[in-house]
Amino acid sequence: MKFLNLRTGFAALTAALALGAASTANAVTVYTSSNDAGGNRILTFESKGATGTFIEKRPFSTGGLGSGGGLGSQDALTLARNGRVLLAVNAGSNDVSTFRVRRNGLKLIGVYPSGGVMPTSVAIHDDLVYVMNAGGEGNVSGFVLENNGKLTPIPNSTRQLSSTGAAPAQVGFNQAGDALLVTERATNNIRIFPVNDDGLLGEPVDNASSGQTPFGFTFDRRDNLLVSEAFGGAQNQAALSSYGLNIDDLTLETVTGSASADQTAACWVVTSRNGRYAYVTNTGSGTVTGYSVGRTGVLERLNGDPVTGLTGGNPLDASVRANMMFVLTPRNGEIVPFKIGHDGSLTREPSIFGVSTTAAGVVAW
């Protein structure tokens, strides 16, 4: 009998430890920036317990200034080094901050000039970082992310956009890291730079967007490029396009051109973890539209329904972690979580409150 009790106690202890491990493994931390003109801060929300309730943690100053308004960009925040380093743009002070991600919160590593005016998007591949500066003439500038989390500028790395006033929306690498892309809203152009072994960019190639106002983009698991199209905010004209990237000549081959969301101002786009589904946030409609993504990048709207998820307000940037998607909705002062189903469906979870109305960028880990 004593042996049986010991076995029962051991089993209970094992189950408890497994439950604790599972809870830790499933814990999620969500970051956004306040983008406050009086002082930019990183707002942190951490899930607690089996209920998944999010607790607001102490905010951390970036040491820079926000713009105090919308950035019109995707990826104002990004995580590096397997979630151990956070990078954030400071659009109001023309610099970029890096943080060490620690168990008890963030630690500011440094604040670095962005190489231009009004940085609004940042991209990283391995240790290579490029920052997109949307103000002035507009450019991208390169850095090396050092082992200690500091940024070292790459000499002569700054490259111009296709024209002054191009209104860039995002900078990002393809999966292999041998191409750097910038979407330009005002020119309906996707500018692609080859990335050399030394981190410098070669001569760019300009590709016309399938639809008007190309905005956010991402690559699926097979390196197909997905680009949201806001169509200048025209009512119910928003769309999503997919392309194949020919790395030899940096040209784009349209796979699905402007698959309609039948919503307004699709600006941000993310994919599910398995890459089978893509979601655009429709800023003008307060909704999310989902698409299935085929092996070759073919897009089809889920169930033909334009509304896969309802956020209200003005949904902006989004981030996916495991089977959850987090949509930043600053007008409502919240981040809206959705659970992603096996069929791509979205189930809205309780909102995360405490977000500033000027917030920009969101990333989950």
Protein backbone atom coordinates (compact mmCIF):
# COMPACT_ATOMS: atom_id res chain seq x y z
CA MET A 1 0.00 0.00 0.00
CA LYS A 2 2.83 2.36 0.82
CA PHE A 3 4.37 1.56 -2.56
CA LEU A 4 1.08 2.37 -4.29
CA ASN A 5 0.81 5.68 -2.42
CA LEU A 6 4.37 6.52 -3.39
CA ARG A 7 3.57 5.76 -7.02
CA THR A 8 0.42 7.87 -6.84
CA GLY A 9 2.31 10.74 -5.25
CA PHE A 10 5.07 10.52 -7.83
CA ALA A 11 2.53 10.49 -10.66
CA ALA A 12 0.79 13.54 -9.21
CA LEU A 13 4.12 15.35 -8.87
CA THR A 14 5.06 14.45 -12.44
CA ALA A 15 1.71 15.69 -13.71
CA ALA A 16 2.08 18.93 -11.78
CA LEU A 17 5.57 19.49 -13.16
CA ALA A 18 4.35 18.74 -16.68
CA LEU A 19 1.47 21.16 -16.26
CA GLY A 20 3.87 23.80 -14.99
CA ALA A 21 6.21 23.20 -17.91
CA ALA A 22 3.32 23.38 -20.35
CA SER A 23 2.10 26.61 -18.80
CA THR A 24 5.58 28.12 -19.13
CA ALA A 25 5.93 26.86 -22.69
CA ASN A 26 2.57 28.34 -23.64
CA ALA A 27 3.23 31.70 -21.98
CA VAL A 28 3.26 34.60 -24.44
CA THR A 29 4.70 38.10 -24.13
CA VAL A 30 3.36 40.83 -26.41
CA TYR A 31 5.24 44.09 -27.05
CA THR A 32 4.12 47.35 -28.65
CA SER A 33 5.56 50.86 -28.63
CA SER A 34 3.64 53.85 -27.27
CA ASN A 35 5.05 56.04 -30.09
CA ASP A 36 4.46 59.03 -27.82
CA ALA A 37 6.04 62.27 -29.05
CA GLY A 38 7.01 63.13 -25.49
CA GLY A 39 8.96 59.91 -25.00
CA ASN A 40 8.61 56.53 -26.67
CA ARG A 41 8.06 53.52 -24.40
CA ILE A 42 7.79 49.78 -24.88
CA LEU A 43 4.54 48.46 -23.45
CA THR A 44 4.71 44.83 -22.35
CA PHE A 45 1.88 42.37 -21.71
CA GLU A 46 2.48 38.88 -20.37
CA SER A 47 0.06 35.94 -20.28
CA LYS A 48 -0.51 34.36 -16.87
CA GLY A 49 -1.89 31.00 -15.84
CA ALA A 50 -4.10 28.53 -17.62
CA THR A 51 -6.68 31.22 -18.46
CA GLY A 52 -4.23 33.05 -20.67
CA THR A 53 -5.11 36.39 -19.09
CA PHE A 54 -2.60 39.10 -19.99
CA ILE A 55 -1.02 41.26 -17.31
CA GLU A 56 0.47 44.65 -18.15
CA LYS A 57 4.09 44.90 -17.02
CA ARG A 58 6.17 47.96 -16.25
CA PRO A 59 6.79 50.05 -19.43
CA PHE A 60 10.38 50.74 -20.51
CA SER A 61 11.63 53.95 -22.09
CA THR A 62 13.32 53.58 -25.46
CA GLY A 63 15.45 56.64 -24.79
CA GLY A 64 13.94 58.19 -27.94
CA LEU A 65 10.82 59.96 -29.15
CA GLY A 66 7.80 58.68 -31.03
CA SER A 67 5.93 60.54 -33.75
CA GLY A 68 2.72 60.97 -31.75
CA GLY A 69 0.69 59.65 -34.70
CA GLY A 70 0.37 56.75 -37.10
CA LEU A 71 3.59 55.54 -38.72
CA GLY A 72 1.94 53.99 -41.77
CA SER A 73 4.33 51.06 -41.63
CA GLN A 74 4.70 47.40 -40.74
CA ASP A 75 7.43 46.10 -38.38
CA ALA A 76 8.18 49.13 -36.20
CA LEU A 77 9.31 46.48 -33.69
CA THR A 78 11.14 43.22 -34.27
CA LEU A 79 12.73 40.51 -32.17
CA ALA A 80 16.14 38.97 -32.80
CA ARG A 81 18.39 36.30 -31.31
CA ASN A 82 15.54 33.87 -30.69
CA GLY A 83 13.53 36.47 -28.81
CA ARG A 84 16.40 37.71 -26.64
CA VAL A 85 16.89 41.12 -28.31
CA LEU A 86 14.15 43.63 -29.16
CA LEU A 87 14.63 46.41 -31.73
CA ALA A 88 12.33 49.45 -31.86
CA VAL A 89 12.23 52.54 -34.08
CA ASN A 90 11.94 56.05 -32.63
CA ALA A 91 10.33 57.99 -35.48
CA GLY A 92 10.38 61.32 -33.63
CA SER A 93 14.09 61.34 -32.77
CA ASN A 94 15.49 59.55 -35.84
CA ASP A 95 17.03 56.64 -33.99
CA VAL A 96 16.64 52.97 -33.12
CA SER A 97 16.73 51.34 -29.67
CA THR A 98 17.85 47.83 -28.77
CA PHE A 99 16.86 45.98 -25.60
CA ARG A 100 17.97 42.86 -23.83
CA VAL A 101 14.93 40.68 -23.12
CA ARG A 102 15.21 39.35 -19.59
CA ARG A 103 13.00 37.26 -17.34
CA ASN A 104 12.10 40.30 -15.23
CA GLY A 105 11.65 42.71 -18.16
CA LEU A 106 13.65 44.70 -20.68
CA LYS A 107 17.04 46.32 -20.33
CA LEU A 108 17.94 49.14 -22.71
CA ILE A 109 21.22 48.39 -24.48
CA GLY A 110 21.59 51.52 -26.59
CA VAL A 111 20.04 54.13 -28.88
CA TYR A 112 21.55 54.55 -32.35
CA PRO A 113 21.05 57.09 -35.18
CA SER A 114 18.90 55.47 -37.88
CA GLY A 115 20.88 56.83 -40.83
CA GLY A 116 18.04 59.04 -41.97
CA VAL A 117 14.84 60.82 -40.97
CA MET A 118 11.77 59.24 -39.35
CA PRO A 119 12.60 55.53 -39.10
CA THR A 120 9.37 53.51 -39.27
CA SER A 121 10.32 49.90 -40.03
CA VAL A 122 13.21 47.60 -39.15
CA ALA A 123 14.25 44.23 -40.62
CA ILE A 124 16.78 41.65 -39.49
CA HIS A 125 18.32 38.51 -40.99
CA ASP A 126 20.90 36.75 -38.83
CA ASP A 127 23.07 39.69 -37.65
CA LEU A 128 22.28 42.02 -40.54
CA VAL A 129 19.81 44.84 -39.80
CA TYR A 130 18.30 47.36 -42.20
CA VAL A 131 16.25 50.35 -41.05
CA MET A 132 13.78 52.11 -43.32
CA ASN A 133 13.66 55.89 -42.98
CA ALA A 134 10.39 57.28 -44.33
CA GLY A 135 11.12 61.01 -43.89
CA GLY A 136 13.28 63.35 -45.93
CA GLU A 137 14.25 61.78 -49.24
CA GLY A 138 13.65 58.31 -47.80
CA ASN A 139 16.25 55.54 -47.57
CA VAL A 140 17.35 52.26 -46.02
CA SER A 141 20.49 52.04 -43.87
CA GLY A 142 22.40 48.97 -42.71
CA PHE A 143 23.79 47.84 -39.36
CA VAL A 144 25.39 44.83 -37.75
CA LEU A 145 23.73 43.52 -34.60
CA GLU A 146 26.67 42.69 -32.35
CA ASN A 147 26.72 39.83 -29.84
CA ASN A 148 26.13 42.29 -27.02
CA GLY A 149 23.01 43.67 -28.71
CA LYS A 150 24.59 46.92 -29.89
CA LEU A 151 24.15 48.21 -33.43
CA THR A 152 27.19 49.07 -35.53
CA PRO A 153 26.51 51.11 -38.69
CA ILE A 154 27.78 49.59 -41.94
CA PRO A 155 29.77 52.27 -43.81
CA ASN A 156 28.32 53.29 -47.20
CA SER A 157 25.26 51.11 -46.69
CA THR A 158 22.58 53.79 -47.15
CA ARG A 159 20.50 53.38 -50.30
CA GLN A 160 17.77 55.65 -51.65
CA LEU A 161 14.22 54.72 -52.53
CA SER A 162 12.85 55.03 -56.06
CA SER A 163 11.88 58.68 -55.57
CA THR A 164 11.48 61.40 -52.97
CA GLY A 165 8.04 61.08 -51.42
CA ALA A 166 7.78 57.35 -52.17
CA ALA A 167 5.96 56.86 -48.83
CA PRO A 168 7.61 53.55 -47.93
CA ALA A 169 5.59 51.13 -45.80
CA GLN A 170 7.95 48.28 -44.89
CA VAL A 171 11.47 46.95 -45.25
CA GLY A 172 12.15 43.23 -45.05
CA PHE A 173 14.35 40.31 -46.13
CA ASN A 174 13.30 37.24 -48.04
CA GLN A 175 13.73 33.89 -46.29
CA ALA A 176 17.26 33.33 -47.61
CA GLY A 177 18.37 36.85 -46.73
CA ASP A 178 19.83 37.52 -50.18
CA ALA A 179 17.22 40.14 -51.10
CA LEU A 180 15.91 43.21 -49.29
CA LEU A 181 12.51 44.59 -50.25
CA VAL A 182 10.75 47.92 -49.70
CA THR A 183 7.10 48.58 -50.51
CA GLU A 184 6.37 52.13 -51.71
CA ARG A 185 2.79 53.30 -51.29
CA ALA A 186 2.96 56.50 -53.32
CA THR A 187 4.68 54.96 -56.37
CA ASN A 188 2.86 51.58 -56.38
CA ASN A 189 6.32 50.08 -56.52
CA ILE A 190 8.20 47.23 -54.83
CA ARG A 191 11.93 48.01 -54.78
CA ILE A 192 14.23 45.00 -54.42
CA PHE A 193 17.94 45.18 -53.56
CA PRO A 194 20.39 42.27 -53.83
CA VAL A 195 22.23 41.67 -50.53
CA ASN A 196 25.96 41.09 -50.93
CA ASP A 197 28.07 38.89 -48.65
CA ASP A 198 29.46 41.98 -46.91
CA GLY A 199 25.96 43.20 -46.05
CA LEU A 200 25.97 46.00 -48.60
CA LEU A 201 23.16 46.32 -51.14
CA GLY A 202 23.60 46.12 -54.88
CA GLU A 203 21.69 47.95 -57.60
CA PRO A 204 17.94 47.83 -57.00
CA VAL A 205 15.24 46.56 -59.34
CA ASP A 206 11.80 48.18 -59.30
CA ASN A 207 8.71 46.03 -59.74
CA ALA A 208 5.22 47.40 -60.31
CA SER A 209 2.73 46.28 -57.70
CA SER A 210 -0.21 44.23 -58.94
CA GLY A 211 -2.59 46.58 -57.09
CA GLN A 212 -2.50 50.10 -55.78
CA THR A 213 -0.83 51.19 -52.54
CA PRO A 214 1.32 48.15 -51.70
CA PHE A 215 1.77 48.18 -47.94
CA GLY A 216 2.76 45.35 -45.62
CA PHE A 217 4.37 42.13 -46.81
CA THR A 218 5.61 38.79 -45.64
CA PHE A 219 7.07 35.62 -47.14
CA ASP A 220 5.41 32.26 -46.74
CA ARG A 221 7.39 29.12 -45.90
CA ARG A 222 8.18 28.52 -49.59
CA ASP A 223 9.44 32.10 -50.04
CA ASN A 224 6.38 33.30 -51.94
CA LEU A 225 5.91 37.02 -51.39
CA LEU A 226 2.54 38.20 -50.05
CA VAL A 227 1.76 41.94 -50.24
CA SER A 228 -1.30 43.75 -48.88
CA GLU A 229 -2.83 46.48 -51.02
CA ALA A 230 -4.69 49.41 -49.47
CA PHE A 231 -5.89 50.91 -52.78
CA GLY A 232 -5.57 54.40 -51.35
CA GLY A 233 -8.26 53.65 -48.78
CA ALA A 234 -10.98 53.26 -51.44
CA GLN A 235 -14.03 51.60 -49.93
CA ASN A 236 -14.12 47.79 -50.25
CA GLN A 237 -11.18 47.75 -52.69
CA ALA A 238 -8.52 46.26 -50.37
CA ALA A 239 -6.67 43.19 -51.63
CA LEU A 240 -3.76 40.78 -51.20
CA SER A 241 -1.35 39.73 -53.95
CA SER A 242 1.22 36.93 -54.13
CA TYR A 243 4.40 36.71 -56.18
CA GLY A 244 7.30 34.46 -56.93
CA LEU A 245 10.70 36.16 -56.56
CA ASN A 246 13.32 35.41 -59.21
CA ILE A 247 16.51 35.96 -57.27
CA ASP A 248 18.67 36.01 -60.43
CA ASP A 249 17.22 39.23 -61.80
CA LEU A 250 15.12 40.37 -58.78
CA THR A 251 11.90 40.37 -60.76
CA LEU A 252 8.51 39.41 -59.38
CA GLU A 253 6.14 37.02 -61.15
CA THR A 254 2.54 37.51 -60.12
CA VAL A 255 0.90 34.32 -58.84
CA THR A 256 -2.39 35.78 -57.62
CA GLY A 257 -3.05 39.39 -58.48
CA SER A 258 -5.12 41.53 -56.10
CA ALA A 259 -7.30 38.87 -54.48
CA SER A 260 -10.10 41.06 -53.16
CA ALA A 261 -10.73 41.35 -49.44
CA ASP A 262 -13.93 43.29 -50.18
CA GLN A 263 -12.92 45.50 -47.26
CA THR A 264 -11.24 48.89 -46.85
CA ALA A 265 -7.51 49.67 -46.46
CA ALA A 266 -5.76 46.32 -46.08
CA CYS A 267 -2.46 47.50 -44.70
CA TRP A 268 -0.80 44.75 -42.66
CA VAL A 269 -0.33 41.06 -43.46
CA VAL A 270 0.90 38.03 -41.49
CA THR A 271 0.86 34.27 -42.03
CA SER A 272 -0.07 31.46 -39.69
CA ARG A 273 2.76 29.43 -38.17
CA ASN A 274 2.27 26.60 -40.68
CA GLY A 275 2.18 29.07 -43.57
CA ARG A 276 -1.13 27.75 -44.91
CA TYR A 277 -3.09 30.90 -44.11
CA ALA A 278 -2.54 34.63 -44.48
CA TYR A 279 -4.42 37.47 -42.79
CA VAL A 280 -4.73 41.14 -43.67
CA THR A 281 -5.93 43.76 -41.21
CA ASN A 282 -8.37 46.18 -42.77
CA THR A 283 -7.83 49.53 -41.09
CA GLY A 284 -10.82 51.19 -42.71
CA SER A 285 -13.26 48.37 -41.91
CA GLY A 286 -12.18 47.25 -38.44
CA THR A 287 -11.82 43.68 -39.65
CA VAL A 288 -9.39 40.89 -40.52
CA THR A 289 -9.67 38.94 -43.78
CA GLY A 290 -8.15 35.47 -44.09
CA TYR A 291 -6.82 33.65 -47.15
CA SER A 292 -5.60 30.14 -47.82
CA VAL A 293 -2.09 30.02 -49.31
CA GLY A 294 -1.38 27.20 -51.76
CA ARG A 295 2.00 25.53 -52.27
CA THR A 296 2.77 27.80 -55.22
CA GLY A 297 1.45 30.91 -53.45
CA VAL A 298 -2.06 30.84 -54.93
CA LEU A 299 -4.44 32.83 -52.71
CA GLU A 300 -8.10 32.13 -52.03
CA ARG A 301 -10.26 33.99 -49.55
CA LEU A 302 -11.37 31.72 -46.72
CA ASN A 303 -14.93 30.51 -47.36
CA GLY A 304 -15.40 33.50 -49.63
CA ASP A 305 -16.16 35.55 -46.51
CA PRO A 306 -14.56 39.01 -46.34
CA VAL A 307 -14.69 39.07 -42.52
CA THR A 308 -12.66 36.33 -40.83
CA GLY A 309 -12.24 38.31 -37.61
CA LEU A 310 -13.79 41.46 -36.18
CA THR A 311 -11.67 43.95 -34.24
CA GLY A 312 -13.52 47.24 -34.55
CA GLY A 313 -11.53 50.46 -34.38
CA ASN A 314 -8.54 50.77 -36.69
CA PRO A 315 -6.60 47.50 -36.72
CA LEU A 316 -2.96 48.11 -37.60
CA ASP A 317 0.03 45.82 -37.25
CA ALA A 318 -0.29 42.15 -36.30
CA SER A 319 1.94 39.37 -34.98
CA VAL A 320 1.57 35.59 -34.81
CA ARG A 321 2.88 33.39 -32.04
CA ALA A 322 2.09 29.65 -32.07
CA ASN A 323 -1.67 29.38 -32.78
CA MET A 324 -2.45 32.95 -31.72
CA MET A 325 -2.60 36.20 -33.70
CA PHE A 326 -2.40 39.58 -31.96
CA VAL A 327 -3.81 42.64 -33.73
CA LEU A 328 -2.88 46.14 -32.58
CA THR A 329 -5.97 48.39 -32.44
CA PRO A 330 -4.83 51.69 -30.91
CA ARG A 331 -8.02 53.67 -31.48
CA ASN A 332 -9.71 51.30 -29.01
CA GLY A 333 -6.65 51.21 -26.74
CA GLU A 334 -6.25 47.46 -27.11
CA ILE A 335 -4.55 44.50 -28.70
CA VAL A 336 -7.06 41.95 -29.96
CA PRO A 337 -5.97 38.28 -29.72
CA PHE A 338 -7.41 35.63 -32.02
CA LYS A 339 -6.97 31.88 -31.79
CA ILE A 340 -6.15 30.43 -35.23
CA GLY A 341 -8.08 27.26 -35.99
CA HIS A 342 -6.83 24.29 -38.02
CA ASP A 343 -9.01 25.50 -40.87
CA GLY A 344 -7.69 29.07 -40.66
CA SER A 345 -10.75 30.36 -38.81
CA LEU A 346 -10.27 32.99 -36.12
CA THR A 347 -11.81 32.94 -32.65
CA ARG A 348 -11.58 36.22 -30.79
CA GLU A 349 -10.15 36.06 -27.27
CA PRO A 350 -10.46 38.67 -24.47
CA SER A 351 -8.77 41.95 -25.42
CA ILE A 352 -5.49 43.18 -23.96
CA PHE A 353 -6.10 46.71 -22.68
CA GLY A 354 -3.71 49.51 -21.73
CA VAL A 355 -2.45 50.36 -25.23
CA SER A 356 -1.83 54.02 -26.07
CA THR A 357 -3.87 55.55 -28.89
CA THR A 358 -0.63 56.46 -30.68
CA ALA A 359 0.82 52.93 -30.44
CA ALA A 360 2.79 51.51 -33.36
CA GLY A 361 4.19 48.07 -34.06
CA VAL A 362 3.43 44.80 -32.29
CA VAL A 363 5.41 41.61 -31.81
CA ALA A 364 4.65 38.50 -29.75
CA TRP A 365 6.98 35.87 -28.31
